[in-house]
Amino acid sequence: QVQLAESGGGLVQTGGSLRLSCAASGVSFSSETMAWFRQAPSGKEREFVAGIRRNGGRIWYADSVQGRFTITRDNAKNPVILQMNNLKPEDTAVYYCAADPGVVLNIRRPDEYANWGQGTQVAVSP
């Protein structure tokens, strides 16, 4: 059974940093394309934040986080890390880790991913 477990969320002030972690079990971690998505509390759709291919060779970011967030993975260690710096109030959301062992054609689409974590809350105060 595939399980993804996020951790590291919390409450920070504008300009602060948080480090999210996603640990995967029940999968061959190195075979998974991994990504982070987020969903704001106002009922917005789940949106792509960052994604990383199996070998870490290709990485994508949403325009809104480019230059502030960094996604990394170490296939020998597991998990996938999302380092978030210079946080803004609009970053407030539940952050979800996603994984898929297959061919992910569009890394930004949530329906490309078979497995999801339960989410971790990130809140950024003004």
Foldseek 3Di string as FASTA:
>chain_A
DKAKAKDWADEEAQQAKIKIKIFIPPDQQLLKWKFKWWDAPVPDDIWGAKTAHSVRPDIDGDPVQPPFWDWDDDSVPDDIMIIGGRDDQVVWTWMKMFIDNDDQPDRGDPVSTDDIHPTDTHGYHD
